[in-house]
Amino acid sequence: MAIDPIQLTKQLVDIESTTYHEAPAGEFLAEFLAKQGYSVERQPVPQPDPSKTPNGASGPRFNVYAVEQGITPDVVLSTHMDTVPPFLGPCREDADFLYGRGTCDAKGIIAAQIAAAEKLRAAGVRVGLLFVVGEERDSAGAKIANENPRGSRFLINGEPTDNRLAVASKGCLRVELYAHGKMAHSAYPELGESAVDKLLAALHDIQALPLPVVEGIGDSTMNVGIIKGGVAPNVIADKAEAHLLIRLVGPADETQAAILKAAAGRCEVNFSLKLPFIQMRTVEGFETMVAKFTTDIPSLTNWGEPFLLGPGSIHVAHTPDEKISKRELLECVDLYVRLATQLVS
C-alpha cells in the first residue's frame, strides 16, 4: 500500500516525543507498521538516572524494528523518534512547507523512510526499518539496537542533509561539570564556599582550550548548553553544574585530558557521551556534504556499512522555526529507493 509521507509526517509531529518521552510515538509507529504487514519488535531501552538527567522521565521507552516475517534485510533504513524540547504543538502547513518540532529532525525522515521501504518491498529488495530513542541525548536506543543486529549489509541513517549524501560526520563529546561548596549567608562569604565561583572559573578555562581542526572537514566547536546552581542571591551556593557539548573532528582523548586538567580542584567531571568522528564513502549520482553534527551511526556499527542522507536543513533543526519542504520530503523517498537499490545491486 502506498504511503503518503506528508500526511504521515503530520501525524508524527502531532505526537509529543521529546527525549525520554518517546513511548507514544513508538506505539503509533509499531501499530502503523504492523498494519502494513511488517513483523514489529519493540526493543526496551532503560531510562537514565533522573537525578542527573535534565527533563528525564521514568516511563517506558523502546526502539521499533520492523521487517517482513522470516527475512534478513540487506539494507536497513534508520533514524530517531525523539526530538529536542520543547514540543511546539500540532503540525502546521502551507502550500510548500510543514512546520513543527520534528518536521525535519527526524519525523519527516521517518515518514520518507517508511514510504521508501514500501517501494523497495514492492521491488523485491529485502529492507528493514529501525527507529530508535535517545539520539538527541546519548544514543541510548542505538546502543541497545547495536547489541541485537539483524544481519543487514547496509545502514542508511536519516538526518537533515538537504538530500545530500554525507561523506563525514563530526564526533561528539558531552561533558558535565559538578561543583560543590559550602552554603552560608551572603553577607559573610568567608563562612562559605561558592560552588558557582568554582564552576565559572572552570568554565572560563575550558572555553579557552584549543580544539582540534582537520583540513577539508572543519574545526571543533563547543557549546555550554545548561548552567544551574544556587538557591537565592543572598545565599552562597553549595552546588552548581554545567552541561557542555563539543562537536569534534579527530580523536577525543587529548580534549578530555585538557578538560580534566582545567577543572581539577574545582569541579567533578563526567563524560556522559563520546561518539567518534567518522568518514563515509560516496555513491555515484549523489550530491555530497560534510555533516557538522553527530548521528547514531557510530553506535550502530553492527548494522552494516553506514550512509547518511535525509531531507531538510540542519539549520532549522532544534529551533522554533523547524520546518521541511514538502517537495524535498517527496524527493527523498525516491533518493532512499535509489540509494538502497544501488547498494544491494
C-alpha atoms as a PDB file:
ATOM      1  CA  MET A   1       0.000   0.000   0.000  1.00  0.00           C
ATOM      2  CA  ALA A   2       1.394   3.422  -0.985  1.00  0.00           C
ATOM      3  CA  ILE A   3       2.297   5.698   1.920  1.00  0.00           C
ATOM      4  CA  ASP A   4       1.684   9.463   1.862  1.00  0.00           C
ATOM      5  CA  PRO A   5       4.823  10.786   3.590  1.00  0.00           C
ATOM      6  CA  ILE A   6       3.372  14.273   4.026  1.00  0.00           C
ATOM      7  CA  GLN A   7       0.293  13.020   5.877  1.00  0.00           C
ATOM      8  CA  LEU A   8       2.392  10.587   7.933  1.00  0.00           C
ATOM      9  CA  THR A   9       4.793  13.379   8.897  1.00  0.00           C
ATOM     10  CA  LYS A  10       1.883  15.470  10.168  1.00  0.00           C
ATOM     11  CA  GLN A  11       0.588  12.582  12.258  1.00  0.00           C
ATOM     12  CA  LEU A  12       4.019  12.002  13.808  1.00  0.00           C
ATOM     13  CA  VAL A  13       4.698  15.685  14.517  1.00  0.00           C
ATOM     14  CA  ASP A  14       1.392  15.920  16.382  1.00  0.00           C
ATOM     15  CA  ILE A  15       2.742  13.372  18.905  1.00  0.00           C
ATOM     16  CA  GLU A  16       4.942  14.821  21.638  1.00  0.00           C
ATOM     17  CA  SER A  17       8.104  12.692  21.892  1.00  0.00           C
ATOM     18  CA  THR A  18      10.934  14.712  23.390  1.00  0.00           C
ATOM     19  CA  THR A  19      13.885  12.618  24.557  1.00  0.00           C
ATOM     20  CA  TYR A  20      12.959  10.183  27.372  1.00  0.00           C
ATOM     21  CA  HIS A  21       9.251  10.601  26.474  1.00  0.00           C
ATOM     22  CA  GLU A  22       9.199   8.683  23.170  1.00  0.00           C
ATOM     23  CA  ALA A  23       6.715   5.908  24.039  1.00  0.00           C
ATOM     24  CA  PRO A  24       3.623   7.474  22.374  1.00  0.00           C
ATOM     25  CA  ALA A  25       5.478   7.886  19.073  1.00  0.00           C
ATOM     26  CA  GLY A  26       6.847   4.341  19.383  1.00  0.00           C
ATOM     27  CA  GLU A  27       3.387   2.899  19.944  1.00  0.00           C
ATOM     28  CA  PHE A  28       1.999   4.806  16.963  1.00  0.00           C
ATOM     29  CA  LEU A  29       4.781   3.538  14.696  1.00  0.00           C
ATOM     30  CA  ALA A  30       4.564  -0.055  15.943  1.00  0.00           C
ATOM     31  CA  GLU A  31       0.836  -0.169  15.251  1.00  0.00           C
ATOM     32  CA  PHE A  32       1.151   1.623  11.905  1.00  0.00           C
ATOM     33  CA  LEU A  33       3.874  -0.712  10.637  1.00  0.00           C
ATOM     34  CA  ALA A  34       2.042  -3.825  11.832  1.00  0.00           C
ATOM     35  CA  LYS A  35      -0.920  -2.740   9.711  1.00  0.00           C
ATOM     36  CA  GLN A  36       1.450  -2.510   6.730  1.00  0.00           C
ATOM     37  CA  GLY A  37       2.268  -6.184   7.156  1.00  0.00           C
ATOM     38  CA  TYR A  38       5.583  -5.886   8.984  1.00  0.00           C
ATOM     39  CA  SER A  39       6.702  -8.081  11.829  1.00  0.00           C
ATOM     40  CA  VAL A  40       7.289  -5.457  14.529  1.00  0.00           C
ATOM     41  CA  GLU A  41       9.555  -5.681  17.566  1.00  0.00           C
ATOM     42  CA  ARG A  42       9.757  -3.266  20.487  1.00  0.00           C
ATOM     43  CA  GLN A  43      13.282  -3.163  21.932  1.00  0.00           C
ATOM     44  CA  PRO A  44      13.152  -1.861  25.550  1.00  0.00           C
ATOM     45  CA  VAL A  45      15.615   0.931  26.409  1.00  0.00           C
ATOM     46  CA  PRO A  46      16.250   1.812  30.078  1.00  0.00           C
ATOM     47  CA  GLN A  47      15.747   5.342  31.401  1.00  0.00           C
ATOM     48  CA  PRO A  48      18.856   7.063  32.847  1.00  0.00           C
ATOM     49  CA  ASP A  49      19.200   8.301  36.425  1.00  0.00           C
ATOM     50  CA  PRO A  50      16.627  11.132  36.641  1.00  0.00           C
ATOM     51  CA  SER A  51      18.655  12.939  39.327  1.00  0.00           C
ATOM     52  CA  LYS A  52      21.386  13.649  36.775  1.00  0.00           C
ATOM     53  CA  THR A  53      19.142  13.939  33.714  1.00  0.00           C
ATOM     54  CA  PRO A  54      17.550  17.266  32.722  1.00  0.00           C
ATOM     55  CA  ASN A  55      13.965  16.651  31.511  1.00  0.00           C
ATOM     56  CA  GLY A  56      14.297  12.968  32.491  1.00  0.00           C
ATOM     57  CA  ALA A  57      11.393  10.560  32.890  1.00  0.00           C
ATOM     58  CA  SER A  58      10.526   7.232  34.449  1.00  0.00           C
ATOM     59  CA  GLY A  59       8.089   5.822  31.884  1.00  0.00           C
ATOM     60  CA  PRO A  60       8.772   3.097  29.296  1.00  0.00           C
ATOM     61  CA  ARG A  61      10.750   3.751  26.134  1.00  0.00           C
ATOM     62  CA  PHE A  62      11.712   1.443  23.296  1.00  0.00           C
ATOM     63  CA  ASN A  63      13.095   1.190  19.766  1.00  0.00           C
ATOM     64  CA  VAL A  64      10.869  -0.034  16.949  1.00  0.00           C
ATOM     65  CA  TYR A  65      12.299  -2.589  14.484  1.00  0.00           C
ATOM     66  CA  ALA A  66      10.161  -3.726  11.540  1.00  0.00           C
ATOM     67  CA  VAL A  67      10.832  -6.264   8.802  1.00  0.00           C
ATOM     68  CA  GLU A  68       8.876  -8.779   6.755  1.00  0.00           C
ATOM     69  CA  GLN A  69       8.444 -12.036   8.647  1.00  0.00           C
ATOM     70  CA  GLY A  70      11.267 -14.501   8.074  1.00  0.00           C
ATOM     71  CA  ILE A  71      13.699 -12.332   6.082  1.00  0.00           C
ATOM     72  CA  THR A  72      17.167 -10.991   6.812  1.00  0.00           C
ATOM     73  CA  PRO A  73      17.318  -7.452   5.416  1.00  0.00           C
ATOM     74  CA  ASP A  74      20.098  -6.410   3.075  1.00  0.00           C
ATOM     75  CA  VAL A  75      19.538  -2.746   3.898  1.00  0.00           C
ATOM     76  CA  VAL A  76      18.032  -1.067   6.962  1.00  0.00           C
ATOM     77  CA  LEU A  77      16.629   2.465   6.938  1.00  0.00           C
ATOM     78  CA  SER A  78      17.012   4.078  10.339  1.00  0.00           C
ATOM     79  CA  THR A  79      16.516   7.332  12.211  1.00  0.00           C
ATOM     80  CA  HIS A  80      15.282   8.520  15.616  1.00  0.00           C
ATOM     81  CA  MET A  81      11.866   9.124  17.156  1.00  0.00           C
ATOM     82  CA  ASP A  82      12.917  11.600  19.838  1.00  0.00           C
ATOM     83  CA  THR A  83      13.034  15.363  19.416  1.00  0.00           C
ATOM     84  CA  VAL A  84      14.659  18.136  21.409  1.00  0.00           C
ATOM     85  CA  PRO A  85      12.397  20.063  23.794  1.00  0.00           C
ATOM     86  CA  PRO A  86      10.150  21.937  23.828  1.00  0.00           C
ATOM     87  CA  PHE A  87       7.218  20.399  21.989  1.00  0.00           C
ATOM     88  CA  LEU A  88       5.876  23.078  19.615  1.00  0.00           C
ATOM     89  CA  GLY A  89       2.305  21.881  19.322  1.00  0.00           C
ATOM     90  CA  PRO A  90       0.447  20.359  16.370  1.00  0.00           C
ATOM     91  CA  CYS A  91       1.961  20.377  12.893  1.00  0.00           C
ATOM     92  CA  ARG A  92       1.214  23.442  10.759  1.00  0.00           C
ATOM     93  CA  GLU A  93       1.478  23.718   6.982  1.00  0.00           C
ATOM     94  CA  ASP A  94       1.204  25.954   3.968  1.00  0.00           C
ATOM     95  CA  ALA A  95       1.450  25.134   0.281  1.00  0.00           C
ATOM     96  CA  ASP A  96       5.198  24.439   0.429  1.00  0.00           C
ATOM     97  CA  PHE A  97       6.232  23.522   3.982  1.00  0.00           C
ATOM     98  CA  LEU A  98       5.338  21.577   7.100  1.00  0.00           C
ATOM     99  CA  TYR A  99       6.179  23.354  10.385  1.00  0.00           C
ATOM    100  CA  GLY A 100       6.710  21.986  13.889  1.00  0.00           C
ATOM    101  CA  ARG A 101       9.046  20.064  16.170  1.00  0.00           C
ATOM    102  CA  GLY A 102      10.375  17.025  14.357  1.00  0.00           C
ATOM    103  CA  THR A 103       9.343  18.030  10.848  1.00  0.00           C
ATOM    104  CA  CYS A 104      12.946  17.714   9.672  1.00  0.00           C
ATOM    105  CA  ASP A 105      14.605  16.180  12.742  1.00  0.00           C
ATOM    106  CA  ALA A 106      13.535  13.497  12.281  1.00  0.00           C
ATOM    107  CA  LYS A 107       9.836  12.659  11.898  1.00  0.00           C
ATOM    108  CA  GLY A 108       9.681  13.743   8.275  1.00  0.00           C
ATOM    109  CA  ILE A 109      12.613  11.399   7.724  1.00  0.00           C
ATOM    110  CA  ILE A 110      10.739   8.538   9.417  1.00  0.00           C
ATOM    111  CA  ALA A 111       7.828   9.114   7.034  1.00  0.00           C
ATOM    112  CA  ALA A 112      10.107   9.247   3.983  1.00  0.00           C
ATOM    113  CA  GLN A 113      11.862   6.043   5.024  1.00  0.00           C
ATOM    114  CA  ILE A 114       8.586   4.174   5.556  1.00  0.00           C
ATOM    115  CA  ALA A 115       7.344   5.342   2.145  1.00  0.00           C
ATOM    116  CA  ALA A 116      10.643   4.299   0.548  1.00  0.00           C
ATOM    117  CA  ALA A 117      10.534   0.897   2.259  1.00  0.00           C
ATOM    118  CA  GLU A 118       7.110   0.218   0.690  1.00  0.00           C
ATOM    119  CA  LYS A 119       8.554   0.882  -2.761  1.00  0.00           C
ATOM    120  CA  LEU A 120      11.611  -1.243  -2.019  1.00  0.00           C
ATOM    121  CA  ARG A 121       9.474  -4.148  -0.789  1.00  0.00           C
ATOM    122  CA  ALA A 122       7.410  -3.949  -3.967  1.00  0.00           C
ATOM    123  CA  ALA A 123      10.647  -4.135  -5.988  1.00  0.00           C
ATOM    124  CA  GLY A 124      11.794  -7.234  -4.107  1.00  0.00           C
ATOM    125  CA  VAL A 125      14.516  -5.551  -2.028  1.00  0.00           C
ATOM    126  CA  ARG A 126      14.950  -7.062   1.439  1.00  0.00           C
ATOM    127  CA  VAL A 127      14.561  -3.971   3.625  1.00  0.00           C
ATOM    128  CA  GLY A 128      14.119  -3.309   7.337  1.00  0.00           C
ATOM    129  CA  LEU A 129      13.202  -0.239   9.384  1.00  0.00           C
ATOM    130  CA  LEU A 130      14.808   0.749  12.695  1.00  0.00           C
ATOM    131  CA  PHE A 131      13.528   3.739  14.660  1.00  0.00           C
ATOM    132  CA  VAL A 132      15.402   4.442  17.880  1.00  0.00           C
ATOM    133  CA  VAL A 133      15.082   6.593  21.006  1.00  0.00           C
ATOM    134  CA  GLY A 134      17.566   8.931  22.624  1.00  0.00           C
ATOM    135  CA  GLU A 135      19.565  10.165  19.641  1.00  0.00           C
ATOM    136  CA  GLU A 136      19.276  13.768  20.747  1.00  0.00           C
ATOM    137  CA  ARG A 137      20.857  12.990  24.087  1.00  0.00           C
ATOM    138  CA  ASP A 138      23.074   9.910  24.372  1.00  0.00           C
ATOM    139  CA  SER A 139      22.246   7.450  21.548  1.00  0.00           C
ATOM    140  CA  ALA A 140      20.846   5.077  24.172  1.00  0.00           C
ATOM    141  CA  GLY A 141      18.466   3.421  21.727  1.00  0.00           C
ATOM    142  CA  ALA A 142      21.136   2.918  19.085  1.00  0.00           C
ATOM    143  CA  LYS A 143      23.445   1.292  21.634  1.00  0.00           C
ATOM    144  CA  ILE A 144      20.723  -1.190  22.609  1.00  0.00           C
ATOM    145  CA  ALA A 145      19.995  -1.906  18.935  1.00  0.00           C
ATOM    146  CA  ASN A 146      23.695  -2.485  18.297  1.00  0.00           C
ATOM    147  CA  GLU A 147      23.603  -5.383  20.751  1.00  0.00           C
ATOM    148  CA  ASN A 148      20.948  -7.020  18.549  1.00  0.00           C
ATOM    149  CA  PRO A 149      21.986  -6.659  14.872  1.00  0.00           C
ATOM    150  CA  ARG A 150      19.897  -8.428  12.236  1.00  0.00           C
ATOM    151  CA  GLY A 151      22.483  -9.239   9.579  1.00  0.00           C
ATOM    152  CA  SER A 152      21.994  -6.229   7.319  1.00  0.00           C
ATOM    153  CA  ARG A 153      24.803  -5.318   4.930  1.00  0.00           C
ATOM    154  CA  PHE A 154      23.982  -1.607   4.726  1.00  0.00           C
ATOM    155  CA  LEU A 155      22.587   1.018   7.104  1.00  0.00           C
ATOM    156  CA  ILE A 156      21.048   4.186   5.665  1.00  0.00           C
ATOM    157  CA  ASN A 157      20.711   6.622   8.551  1.00  0.00           C
ATOM    158  CA  GLY A 158      18.470   9.648   8.235  1.00  0.00           C
ATOM    159  CA  GLU A 159      19.310  13.149   9.411  1.00  0.00           C
ATOM    160  CA  PRO A 160      18.710  16.530   7.734  1.00  0.00           C
ATOM    161  CA  THR A 161      21.376  16.747   4.997  1.00  0.00           C
ATOM    162  CA  ASP A 162      19.395  18.720   2.381  1.00  0.00           C
ATOM    163  CA  ASN A 163      19.022  15.472   0.419  1.00  0.00           C
ATOM    164  CA  ARG A 164      22.804  15.198   0.015  1.00  0.00           C
ATOM    165  CA  LEU A 165      24.905  12.168   0.944  1.00  0.00           C
ATOM    166  CA  ALA A 166      27.261  12.915   3.834  1.00  0.00           C
ATOM    167  CA  VAL A 167      30.904  11.954   3.390  1.00  0.00           C
ATOM    168  CA  ALA A 168      31.838  12.763   7.006  1.00  0.00           C
ATOM    169  CA  SER A 169      30.177  13.455  10.349  1.00  0.00           C
ATOM    170  CA  LYS A 170      31.666  15.168  13.388  1.00  0.00           C
ATOM    171  CA  GLY A 171      32.189  13.338  16.631  1.00  0.00           C
ATOM    172  CA  CYS A 172      30.542  14.312  19.889  1.00  0.00           C
ATOM    173  CA  LEU A 173      31.787  14.740  23.460  1.00  0.00           C
ATOM    174  CA  ARG A 174      29.201  15.531  26.152  1.00  0.00           C
ATOM    175  CA  VAL A 175      30.718  16.972  29.322  1.00  0.00           C
ATOM    176  CA  GLU A 176      29.040  17.504  32.699  1.00  0.00           C
ATOM    177  CA  LEU A 177      30.680  19.618  35.382  1.00  0.00           C
ATOM    178  CA  TYR A 178      29.566  19.408  39.032  1.00  0.00           C
ATOM    179  CA  ALA A 179      30.911  21.909  41.569  1.00  0.00           C
ATOM    180  CA  HIS A 180      30.436  21.583  45.332  1.00  0.00           C
ATOM    181  CA  GLY A 181      30.797  24.257  48.003  1.00  0.00           C
ATOM    182  CA  LYS A 182      29.519  25.292  51.407  1.00  0.00           C
ATOM    183  CA  MET A 183      26.286  27.210  51.974  1.00  0.00           C
ATOM    184  CA  ALA A 184      26.425  30.432  54.010  1.00  0.00           C
ATOM    185  CA  HIS A 185      24.783  33.859  54.354  1.00  0.00           C
ATOM    186  CA  SER A 186      25.986  36.075  51.509  1.00  0.00           C
ATOM    187  CA  ALA A 187      26.850  38.865  53.972  1.00  0.00           C
ATOM    188  CA  TYR A 188      29.555  36.561  55.350  1.00  0.00           C
ATOM    189  CA  PRO A 189      31.084  34.910  52.274  1.00  0.00           C
ATOM    190  CA  GLU A 190      34.152  33.944  54.283  1.00  0.00           C
ATOM    191  CA  LEU A 191      31.982  31.388  56.120  1.00  0.00           C
ATOM    192  CA  GLY A 192      31.010  29.626  52.910  1.00  0.00           C
ATOM    193  CA  GLU A 193      32.499  28.335  49.705  1.00  0.00           C
ATOM    194  CA  SER A 194      30.782  29.214  46.417  1.00  0.00           C
ATOM    195  CA  ALA A 195      30.170  26.343  44.024  1.00  0.00           C
ATOM    196  CA  VAL A 196      29.112  28.896  41.401  1.00  0.00           C
ATOM    197  CA  ASP A 197      32.505  30.644  41.583  1.00  0.00           C
ATOM    198  CA  LYS A 198      34.277  27.291  41.145  1.00  0.00           C
ATOM    199  CA  LEU A 199      32.095  26.397  38.180  1.00  0.00           C
ATOM    200  CA  LEU A 200      32.565  29.743  36.436  1.00  0.00           C
ATOM    201  CA  ALA A 201      36.340  29.620  36.867  1.00  0.00           C
ATOM    202  CA  ALA A 202      36.495  26.108  35.430  1.00  0.00           C
ATOM    203  CA  LEU A 203      34.236  27.073  32.520  1.00  0.00           C
ATOM    204  CA  HIS A 204      36.408  30.093  31.735  1.00  0.00           C
ATOM    205  CA  ASP A 205      39.499  27.902  31.384  1.00  0.00           C
ATOM    206  CA  ILE A 206      37.698  25.130  29.492  1.00  0.00           C
ATOM    207  CA  GLN A 207      36.277  27.570  26.943  1.00  0.00           C
ATOM    208  CA  ALA A 208      39.798  28.889  26.325  1.00  0.00           C
ATOM    209  CA  LEU A 209      41.145  25.451  25.381  1.00  0.00           C
ATOM    210  CA  PRO A 210      42.311  24.932  21.773  1.00  0.00           C
ATOM    211  CA  LEU A 211      40.184  22.308  19.987  1.00  0.00           C
ATOM    212  CA  PRO A 212      41.146  20.030  17.068  1.00  0.00           C
ATOM    213  CA  VAL A 213      40.907  21.192  13.447  1.00  0.00           C
ATOM    214  CA  VAL A 214      41.008  18.937  10.336  1.00  0.00           C
ATOM    215  CA  GLU A 215      41.699  20.472   6.942  1.00  0.00           C
ATOM    216  CA  GLY A 216      38.874  19.882   4.479  1.00  0.00           C
ATOM    217  CA  ILE A 217      36.441  18.988   7.261  1.00  0.00           C
ATOM    218  CA  GLY A 218      36.484  21.980   9.600  1.00  0.00           C
ATOM    219  CA  ASP A 219      37.044  22.825  13.244  1.00  0.00           C
ATOM    220  CA  SER A 220      35.658  21.526  16.519  1.00  0.00           C
ATOM    221  CA  THR A 221      33.043  23.606  18.341  1.00  0.00           C
ATOM    222  CA  MET A 222      31.915  23.885  21.976  1.00  0.00           C
ATOM    223  CA  ASN A 223      28.525  24.860  23.387  1.00  0.00           C
ATOM    224  CA  VAL A 224      27.672  25.452  27.053  1.00  0.00           C
ATOM    225  CA  GLY A 225      24.034  24.406  26.913  1.00  0.00           C
ATOM    226  CA  ILE A 226      22.956  24.273  30.573  1.00  0.00           C
ATOM    227  CA  ILE A 227      24.119  26.123  33.691  1.00  0.00           C
ATOM    228  CA  LYS A 228      22.340  25.928  37.038  1.00  0.00           C
ATOM    229  CA  GLY A 229      23.138  26.260  40.744  1.00  0.00           C
ATOM    230  CA  GLY A 230      22.430  28.019  43.991  1.00  0.00           C
ATOM    231  CA  VAL A 231      19.147  28.741  45.760  1.00  0.00           C
ATOM    232  CA  ALA A 232      18.979  32.550  46.157  1.00  0.00           C
ATOM    233  CA  PRO A 233      21.079  35.701  45.554  1.00  0.00           C
ATOM    234  CA  ASN A 234      21.646  36.141  49.290  1.00  0.00           C
ATOM    235  CA  VAL A 235      22.921  32.589  49.823  1.00  0.00           C
ATOM    236  CA  ILE A 236      26.387  31.280  48.999  1.00  0.00           C
ATOM    237  CA  ALA A 237      25.767  28.424  46.560  1.00  0.00           C
ATOM    238  CA  ASP A 238      26.734  24.942  47.711  1.00  0.00           C
ATOM    239  CA  LYS A 239      26.026  23.266  44.348  1.00  0.00           C
ATOM    240  CA  ALA A 240      26.367  24.242  40.698  1.00  0.00           C
ATOM    241  CA  GLU A 241      26.593  22.381  37.421  1.00  0.00           C
ATOM    242  CA  ALA A 242      27.070  22.907  33.682  1.00  0.00           C
ATOM    243  CA  HIS A 243      26.460  20.676  30.679  1.00  0.00           C
ATOM    244  CA  LEU A 244      28.629  21.132  27.587  1.00  0.00           C
ATOM    245  CA  LEU A 245      28.625  19.597  24.121  1.00  0.00           C
ATOM    246  CA  ILE A 246      31.758  19.537  21.975  1.00  0.00           C
ATOM    247  CA  ARG A 247      31.488  18.546  18.316  1.00  0.00           C
ATOM    248  CA  LEU A 248      34.854  17.094  17.457  1.00  0.00           C
ATOM    249  CA  VAL A 249      36.943  16.381  14.446  1.00  0.00           C
ATOM    250  CA  GLY A 250      39.661  13.896  15.292  1.00  0.00           C
ATOM    251  CA  PRO A 251      40.031  11.811  18.473  1.00  0.00           C
ATOM    252  CA  ALA A 252      38.618  12.937  21.824  1.00  0.00           C
ATOM    253  CA  ASP A 253      41.348  11.724  24.210  1.00  0.00           C
ATOM    254  CA  GLU A 254      43.502  14.872  24.132  1.00  0.00           C
ATOM    255  CA  THR A 255      40.487  17.143  24.630  1.00  0.00           C
ATOM    256  CA  GLN A 256      39.243  15.026  27.543  1.00  0.00           C
ATOM    257  CA  ALA A 257      42.621  15.235  29.264  1.00  0.00           C
ATOM    258  CA  ALA A 258      42.731  19.017  28.836  1.00  0.00           C
ATOM    259  CA  ILE A 259      39.242  19.412  30.334  1.00  0.00           C
ATOM    260  CA  LEU A 260      40.149  17.264  33.344  1.00  0.00           C
ATOM    261  CA  LYS A 261      43.243  19.397  33.938  1.00  0.00           C
ATOM    262  CA  ALA A 262      41.300  22.669  33.623  1.00  0.00           C
ATOM    263  CA  ALA A 263      38.615  21.522  36.059  1.00  0.00           C
ATOM    264  CA  ALA A 264      40.942  19.889  38.592  1.00  0.00           C
ATOM    265  CA  GLY A 265      40.303  21.009  42.167  1.00  0.00           C
ATOM    266  CA  ARG A 266      37.161  22.894  41.191  1.00  0.00           C
ATOM    267  CA  CYS A 267      34.667  20.512  39.538  1.00  0.00           C
ATOM    268  CA  GLU A 268      33.840  16.855  39.252  1.00  0.00           C
ATOM    269  CA  VAL A 269      33.848  15.955  35.537  1.00  0.00           C
ATOM    270  CA  ASN A 270      31.673  13.366  33.866  1.00  0.00           C
ATOM    271  CA  PHE A 271      31.953  12.455  30.177  1.00  0.00           C
ATOM    272  CA  SER A 272      28.480  11.086  29.551  1.00  0.00           C
ATOM    273  CA  LEU A 273      28.759  10.624  25.790  1.00  0.00           C
ATOM    274  CA  LYS A 274      31.666  10.119  23.390  1.00  0.00           C
ATOM    275  CA  LEU A 275      30.994   9.419  19.716  1.00  0.00           C
ATOM    276  CA  PRO A 276      33.831   9.336  17.172  1.00  0.00           C
ATOM    277  CA  PHE A 277      34.337  11.424  14.074  1.00  0.00           C
ATOM    278  CA  ILE A 278      33.528   9.250  11.040  1.00  0.00           C
ATOM    279  CA  GLN A 279      34.023   9.304   7.284  1.00  0.00           C
ATOM    280  CA  MET A 280      31.879   7.506   4.680  1.00  0.00           C
ATOM    281  CA  ARG A 281      32.205   6.663   1.004  1.00  0.00           C
ATOM    282  CA  THR A 282      30.486   8.401  -1.867  1.00  0.00           C
ATOM    283  CA  VAL A 283      27.983   6.804  -4.247  1.00  0.00           C
ATOM    284  CA  GLU A 284      27.757   7.732  -7.915  1.00  0.00           C
ATOM    285  CA  GLY A 285      24.952  10.122  -8.759  1.00  0.00           C
ATOM    286  CA  PHE A 286      24.512  11.651  -5.288  1.00  0.00           C
ATOM    287  CA  GLU A 287      25.454  15.177  -4.221  1.00  0.00           C
ATOM    288  CA  THR A 288      27.661  15.210  -1.111  1.00  0.00           C
ATOM    289  CA  MET A 289      28.210  17.259   2.049  1.00  0.00           C
ATOM    290  CA  VAL A 290      30.051  17.237   5.391  1.00  0.00           C
ATOM    291  CA  ALA A 291      27.768  16.925   8.429  1.00  0.00           C
ATOM    292  CA  LYS A 292      28.962  19.167  11.255  1.00  0.00           C
ATOM    293  CA  PHE A 293      26.636  17.316  13.613  1.00  0.00           C
ATOM    294  CA  THR A 294      26.727  13.864  15.195  1.00  0.00           C
ATOM    295  CA  THR A 295      24.400  10.957  14.468  1.00  0.00           C
ATOM    296  CA  ASP A 296      23.596   7.473  15.751  1.00  0.00           C
ATOM    297  CA  ILE A 297      25.886   5.926  13.122  1.00  0.00           C
ATOM    298  CA  PRO A 298      28.878   5.437  15.490  1.00  0.00           C
ATOM    299  CA  SER A 299      26.553   3.494  17.823  1.00  0.00           C
ATOM    300  CA  LEU A 300      25.140   1.259  15.064  1.00  0.00           C
ATOM    301  CA  THR A 301      28.375  -0.292  13.833  1.00  0.00           C
ATOM    302  CA  ASN A 302      26.905  -3.816  13.733  1.00  0.00           C
ATOM    303  CA  TRP A 303      24.130  -2.905  11.275  1.00  0.00           C
ATOM    304  CA  GLY A 304      26.232  -2.688   8.131  1.00  0.00           C
ATOM    305  CA  GLU A 305      28.203  -0.134   6.131  1.00  0.00           C
ATOM    306  CA  PRO A 306      26.771   3.292   7.022  1.00  0.00           C
ATOM    307  CA  PHE A 307      25.382   6.032   4.813  1.00  0.00           C
ATOM    308  CA  LEU A 308      23.832   9.335   5.906  1.00  0.00           C
ATOM    309  CA  LEU A 309      21.064  11.017   3.920  1.00  0.00           C
ATOM    310  CA  GLY A 310      17.871  12.907   4.659  1.00  0.00           C
ATOM    311  CA  PRO A 311      15.566  15.767   3.704  1.00  0.00           C
ATOM    312  CA  GLY A 312      15.501  19.112   5.474  1.00  0.00           C
ATOM    313  CA  SER A 313      18.075  21.591   6.734  1.00  0.00           C
ATOM    314  CA  ILE A 314      20.010  21.146   9.963  1.00  0.00           C
ATOM    315  CA  HIS A 315      19.978  24.954  10.211  1.00  0.00           C
ATOM    316  CA  VAL A 316      16.325  24.962  11.305  1.00  0.00           C
ATOM    317  CA  ALA A 317      16.513  21.790  13.431  1.00  0.00           C
ATOM    318  CA  HIS A 318      16.442  22.495  17.203  1.00  0.00           C
ATOM    319  CA  THR A 319      14.895  25.934  16.564  1.00  0.00           C
ATOM    320  CA  PRO A 320      11.366  27.397  16.951  1.00  0.00           C
ATOM    321  CA  ASP A 321      11.291  27.684  13.143  1.00  0.00           C
ATOM    322  CA  GLU A 322      11.775  23.988  12.359  1.00  0.00           C
ATOM    323  CA  LYS A 323      10.224  23.085   9.005  1.00  0.00           C
ATOM    324  CA  ILE A 324      10.570  20.823   5.983  1.00  0.00           C
ATOM    325  CA  SER A 325       9.818  21.353   2.321  1.00  0.00           C
ATOM    326  CA  LYS A 326       7.088  19.062   1.035  1.00  0.00           C
ATOM    327  CA  ARG A 327       8.877  18.820  -2.301  1.00  0.00           C
ATOM    328  CA  GLU A 328      12.166  17.844  -0.640  1.00  0.00           C
ATOM    329  CA  LEU A 329      10.388  15.264   1.514  1.00  0.00           C
ATOM    330  CA  LEU A 330       8.878  13.575  -1.540  1.00  0.00           C
ATOM    331  CA  GLU A 331      12.175  13.740  -3.439  1.00  0.00           C
ATOM    332  CA  CYS A 332      13.972  11.974  -0.592  1.00  0.00           C
ATOM    333  CA  VAL A 333      11.638   8.998  -0.818  1.00  0.00           C
ATOM    334  CA  ASP A 334      12.995   8.375  -4.311  1.00  0.00           C
ATOM    335  CA  LEU A 335      16.573   9.075  -3.188  1.00  0.00           C
ATOM    336  CA  TYR A 336      16.289   6.420  -0.471  1.00  0.00           C
ATOM    337  CA  VAL A 337      14.902   3.956  -3.011  1.00  0.00           C
ATOM    338  CA  ARG A 338      17.693   4.740  -5.475  1.00  0.00           C
ATOM    339  CA  LEU A 339      20.466   4.546  -2.876  1.00  0.00           C
ATOM    340  CA  ALA A 340      19.233   1.254  -1.408  1.00  0.00           C
ATOM    341  CA  THR A 341      18.776  -0.257  -4.856  1.00  0.00           C
ATOM    342  CA  GLN A 342      22.278   0.748  -5.950  1.00  0.00           C
ATOM    343  CA  LEU A 343      23.807  -0.642  -2.770  1.00  0.00           C
ATOM    344  CA  VAL A 344      22.140  -4.040  -2.897  1.00  0.00           C
ATOM    345  CA  SER A 345      22.809  -4.348  -6.627  1.00  0.00           C
END
